[in-house]
Amino acid sequence: MKNKSRRKSFAVISLIIIIVIALLFTCQIKFGSINIPRIAYAIVTVNTNKNNYVIIKDSNKITNKNSEKRFFENPKKVIISTPNGNYKLNDYAKENGYNITDEQGSLITVEKDGKTEEVNVSIIRYYSLWKWY
């Protein structure tokens, strides 16, 4: 009897560990951060219209890198915004002193103080995700 209960508890603990690892991996890939409480707070806050946007991650490192490494590169800044288009990246850029210099589909190039950054914008039903590279 003890052997069966140990196997069950081991299986449950293993399953929980696998789910947690999968959740952390998914958050890192999708949002560039593993701060799950902050991501959940941002999505809820934006969807309840308490704020127009919430900054999930801001590393303040502005460097120009080769675009060939883009797929594996972590974003420097990640912002979740309202999904309905009431508050757009253009509004955020104007408020924070950025100039939009180029738009190519979902990739927008912005400039501030002579430094160029690229923002990847993706919009789904529940939020708009802005990843700054």
C-alpha atoms as a PDB file:
ATOM      1  CA  MET A   1       0.000   0.000   0.000  1.00  0.00           C
ATOM      2  CA  LYS A   2       2.761   2.456   0.879  1.00  0.00           C
ATOM      3  CA  ASN A   3       4.425   1.817  -2.482  1.00  0.00           C
ATOM      4  CA  LYS A   4       1.272   2.785  -4.404  1.00  0.00           C
ATOM      5  CA  SER A   5       0.730   5.985  -2.414  1.00  0.00           C
ATOM      6  CA  ARG A   6       4.399   6.944  -2.912  1.00  0.00           C
ATOM      7  CA  ARG A   7       4.068   6.363  -6.653  1.00  0.00           C
ATOM      8  CA  LYS A   8       0.911   8.475  -6.779  1.00  0.00           C
ATOM      9  CA  SER A   9       2.461  11.313  -4.802  1.00  0.00           C
ATOM     10  CA  PHE A  10       5.618  11.141  -6.935  1.00  0.00           C
ATOM     11  CA  ALA A  11       3.478  11.272 -10.098  1.00  0.00           C
ATOM     12  CA  VAL A  12       1.474  14.261  -8.819  1.00  0.00           C
ATOM     13  CA  ILE A  13       4.590  16.165  -7.753  1.00  0.00           C
ATOM     14  CA  SER A  14       6.271  15.393 -11.083  1.00  0.00           C
ATOM     15  CA  LEU A  15       3.215  16.615 -12.980  1.00  0.00           C
ATOM     16  CA  ILE A  16       3.110  19.853 -10.964  1.00  0.00           C
ATOM     17  CA  ILE A  17       6.816  20.468 -11.616  1.00  0.00           C
ATOM     18  CA  ILE A  18       6.349  19.871 -15.349  1.00  0.00           C
ATOM     19  CA  ILE A  19       3.381  22.280 -15.473  1.00  0.00           C
ATOM     20  CA  VAL A  20       5.317  24.987 -13.605  1.00  0.00           C
ATOM     21  CA  ILE A  21       8.333  24.610 -15.908  1.00  0.00           C
ATOM     22  CA  ALA A  22       6.075  24.758 -18.984  1.00  0.00           C
ATOM     23  CA  LEU A  23       4.359  27.890 -17.643  1.00  0.00           C
ATOM     24  CA  LEU A  24       7.684  29.610 -16.946  1.00  0.00           C
ATOM     25  CA  PHE A  25       9.015  28.660 -20.378  1.00  0.00           C
ATOM     26  CA  THR A  26       5.853  29.922 -22.104  1.00  0.00           C
ATOM     27  CA  CYS A  27       5.989  33.243 -20.211  1.00  0.00           C
ATOM     28  CA  GLN A  28       9.653  33.703 -21.124  1.00  0.00           C
ATOM     29  CA  ILE A  29       8.994  33.030 -24.811  1.00  0.00           C
ATOM     30  CA  LYS A  30       5.765  35.060 -25.080  1.00  0.00           C
ATOM     31  CA  PHE A  31       6.509  37.997 -22.765  1.00  0.00           C
ATOM     32  CA  GLY A  32      10.298  37.986 -22.354  1.00  0.00           C
ATOM     33  CA  SER A  33       9.877  37.658 -18.588  1.00  0.00           C
ATOM     34  CA  ILE A  34       9.071  34.924 -16.074  1.00  0.00           C
ATOM     35  CA  ASN A  35       7.382  37.299 -13.649  1.00  0.00           C
ATOM     36  CA  ILE A  36       4.019  35.533 -13.766  1.00  0.00           C
ATOM     37  CA  PRO A  37       2.260  37.686 -11.108  1.00  0.00           C
ATOM     38  CA  ARG A  38       3.265  40.888 -12.938  1.00  0.00           C
ATOM     39  CA  ILE A  39       2.043  39.510 -16.287  1.00  0.00           C
ATOM     40  CA  ALA A  40      -1.299  38.436 -14.767  1.00  0.00           C
ATOM     41  CA  TYR A  41      -1.672  41.825 -13.043  1.00  0.00           C
ATOM     42  CA  ALA A  42      -0.955  43.635 -16.327  1.00  0.00           C
ATOM     43  CA  ILE A  43      -3.504  41.653 -18.318  1.00  0.00           C
ATOM     44  CA  VAL A  44      -6.217  42.114 -15.672  1.00  0.00           C
ATOM     45  CA  THR A  45      -5.455  45.826 -15.226  1.00  0.00           C
ATOM     46  CA  VAL A  46      -5.560  46.531 -18.956  1.00  0.00           C
ATOM     47  CA  ASN A  47      -8.744  44.520 -19.507  1.00  0.00           C
ATOM     48  CA  THR A  48     -10.579  46.241 -16.653  1.00  0.00           C
ATOM     49  CA  ASN A  49      -9.554  49.645 -18.081  1.00  0.00           C
ATOM     50  CA  LYS A  50      -7.737  50.743 -14.917  1.00  0.00           C
ATOM     51  CA  ASN A  51      -4.664  51.723 -16.972  1.00  0.00           C
ATOM     52  CA  ASN A  52      -4.006  52.146 -20.676  1.00  0.00           C
ATOM     53  CA  TYR A  53      -0.788  50.155 -20.392  1.00  0.00           C
ATOM     54  CA  VAL A  54       1.424  48.334 -17.895  1.00  0.00           C
ATOM     55  CA  ILE A  55       5.190  47.909 -18.253  1.00  0.00           C
ATOM     56  CA  ILE A  56       6.116  44.293 -17.533  1.00  0.00           C
ATOM     57  CA  LYS A  57       9.837  44.572 -18.137  1.00  0.00           C
ATOM     58  CA  ASP A  58      12.164  47.535 -18.615  1.00  0.00           C
ATOM     59  CA  SER A  59      15.884  46.805 -18.584  1.00  0.00           C
ATOM     60  CA  ASN A  60      16.898  50.291 -19.869  1.00  0.00           C
ATOM     61  CA  LYS A  61      19.640  48.833 -22.047  1.00  0.00           C
ATOM     62  CA  ILE A  62      19.621  50.547 -25.415  1.00  0.00           C
ATOM     63  CA  THR A  63      22.001  48.923 -27.860  1.00  0.00           C
ATOM     64  CA  ASN A  64      21.902  48.361 -31.574  1.00  0.00           C
ATOM     65  CA  LYS A  65      22.382  44.701 -32.459  1.00  0.00           C
ATOM     66  CA  ASN A  66      22.255  42.702 -35.654  1.00  0.00           C
ATOM     67  CA  SER A  67      18.744  41.709 -36.649  1.00  0.00           C
ATOM     68  CA  GLU A  68      19.913  38.166 -37.470  1.00  0.00           C
ATOM     69  CA  LYS A  69      19.863  37.338 -33.759  1.00  0.00           C
ATOM     70  CA  ARG A  70      16.329  38.717 -33.269  1.00  0.00           C
ATOM     71  CA  PHE A  71      14.587  35.364 -32.756  1.00  0.00           C
ATOM     72  CA  PHE A  72      16.729  34.432 -29.760  1.00  0.00           C
ATOM     73  CA  GLU A  73      17.129  37.917 -28.330  1.00  0.00           C
ATOM     74  CA  ASN A  74      15.190  38.903 -25.203  1.00  0.00           C
ATOM     75  CA  PRO A  75      13.309  42.189 -25.448  1.00  0.00           C
ATOM     76  CA  LYS A  76      14.615  45.127 -23.403  1.00  0.00           C
ATOM     77  CA  LYS A  77      11.151  46.421 -22.628  1.00  0.00           C
ATOM     78  CA  VAL A  78       7.765  44.692 -22.705  1.00  0.00           C
ATOM     79  CA  ILE A  79       4.490  46.595 -22.414  1.00  0.00           C
ATOM     80  CA  ILE A  80       0.931  45.262 -22.327  1.00  0.00           C
ATOM     81  CA  SER A  81      -1.676  47.735 -23.588  1.00  0.00           C
ATOM     82  CA  THR A  82      -5.407  47.845 -24.219  1.00  0.00           C
ATOM     83  CA  PRO A  83      -6.510  45.505 -27.005  1.00  0.00           C
ATOM     84  CA  ASN A  84      -9.298  47.657 -28.421  1.00  0.00           C
ATOM     85  CA  GLY A  85      -7.042  50.291 -29.971  1.00  0.00           C
ATOM     86  CA  ASN A  86      -8.016  53.175 -27.666  1.00  0.00           C
ATOM     87  CA  TYR A  87      -4.398  53.586 -26.647  1.00  0.00           C
ATOM     88  CA  LYS A  88      -1.812  52.958 -29.338  1.00  0.00           C
ATOM     89  CA  LEU A  89       1.949  52.837 -29.577  1.00  0.00           C
ATOM     90  CA  ASN A  90       1.826  56.253 -31.293  1.00  0.00           C
ATOM     91  CA  ASP A  91       0.292  57.755 -28.124  1.00  0.00           C
ATOM     92  CA  TYR A  92       2.911  56.117 -25.905  1.00  0.00           C
ATOM     93  CA  ALA A  93       5.713  57.282 -28.209  1.00  0.00           C
ATOM     94  CA  LYS A  94       4.525  60.904 -28.147  1.00  0.00           C
ATOM     95  CA  GLU A  95       4.111  60.911 -24.354  1.00  0.00           C
ATOM     96  CA  ASN A  96       7.625  59.558 -23.794  1.00  0.00           C
ATOM     97  CA  GLY A  97       9.519  61.605 -26.378  1.00  0.00           C
ATOM     98  CA  TYR A  98       9.964  58.959 -29.091  1.00  0.00           C
ATOM     99  CA  ASN A  99       9.697  59.695 -32.807  1.00  0.00           C
ATOM    100  CA  ILE A 100       8.328  56.946 -35.050  1.00  0.00           C
ATOM    101  CA  THR A 101      10.712  56.759 -37.999  1.00  0.00           C
ATOM    102  CA  ASP A 102       9.556  53.649 -39.874  1.00  0.00           C
ATOM    103  CA  GLU A 103       6.685  51.165 -39.892  1.00  0.00           C
ATOM    104  CA  GLN A 104       6.934  47.782 -41.590  1.00  0.00           C
ATOM    105  CA  GLY A 105       3.934  45.675 -40.667  1.00  0.00           C
ATOM    106  CA  SER A 106       4.174  44.825 -36.986  1.00  0.00           C
ATOM    107  CA  LEU A 107       7.767  46.140 -36.691  1.00  0.00           C
ATOM    108  CA  ILE A 108       7.954  49.839 -35.812  1.00  0.00           C
ATOM    109  CA  THR A 109      11.227  51.752 -35.559  1.00  0.00           C
ATOM    110  CA  VAL A 110      11.356  54.562 -32.985  1.00  0.00           C
ATOM    111  CA  GLU A 111      14.077  57.071 -32.154  1.00  0.00           C
ATOM    112  CA  LYS A 112      14.832  59.004 -28.978  1.00  0.00           C
ATOM    113  CA  ASP A 113      17.938  61.063 -28.257  1.00  0.00           C
ATOM    114  CA  GLY A 114      19.670  59.698 -31.373  1.00  0.00           C
ATOM    115  CA  LYS A 115      19.179  56.062 -30.299  1.00  0.00           C
ATOM    116  CA  THR A 116      17.108  53.787 -32.491  1.00  0.00           C
ATOM    117  CA  GLU A 117      14.942  50.964 -31.160  1.00  0.00           C
ATOM    118  CA  GLU A 118      12.598  48.500 -32.814  1.00  0.00           C
ATOM    119  CA  VAL A 119       9.191  47.645 -31.397  1.00  0.00           C
ATOM    120  CA  ASN A 120       7.338  44.486 -32.356  1.00  0.00           C
ATOM    121  CA  VAL A 121       3.592  45.001 -31.920  1.00  0.00           C
ATOM    122  CA  SER A 122       1.166  42.096 -31.643  1.00  0.00           C
ATOM    123  CA  ILE A 123      -2.520  42.450 -30.882  1.00  0.00           C
ATOM    124  CA  ILE A 124      -4.820  39.690 -29.698  1.00  0.00           C
ATOM    125  CA  ARG A 125      -8.278  39.708 -28.154  1.00  0.00           C
ATOM    126  CA  TYR A 126      -7.210  40.348 -24.551  1.00  0.00           C
ATOM    127  CA  TYR A 127      -4.226  42.694 -24.884  1.00  0.00           C
ATOM    128  CA  SER A 128      -1.755  44.391 -27.181  1.00  0.00           C
ATOM    129  CA  LEU A 129       1.869  43.352 -26.639  1.00  0.00           C
ATOM    130  CA  TRP A 130       4.754  45.725 -27.434  1.00  0.00           C
ATOM    131  CA  LYS A 131       8.247  44.205 -27.354  1.00  0.00           C
ATOM    132  CA  TRP A 132      11.153  46.671 -27.553  1.00  0.00           C
ATOM    133  CA  TYR A 133      14.445  45.436 -29.033  1.00  0.00           C
END
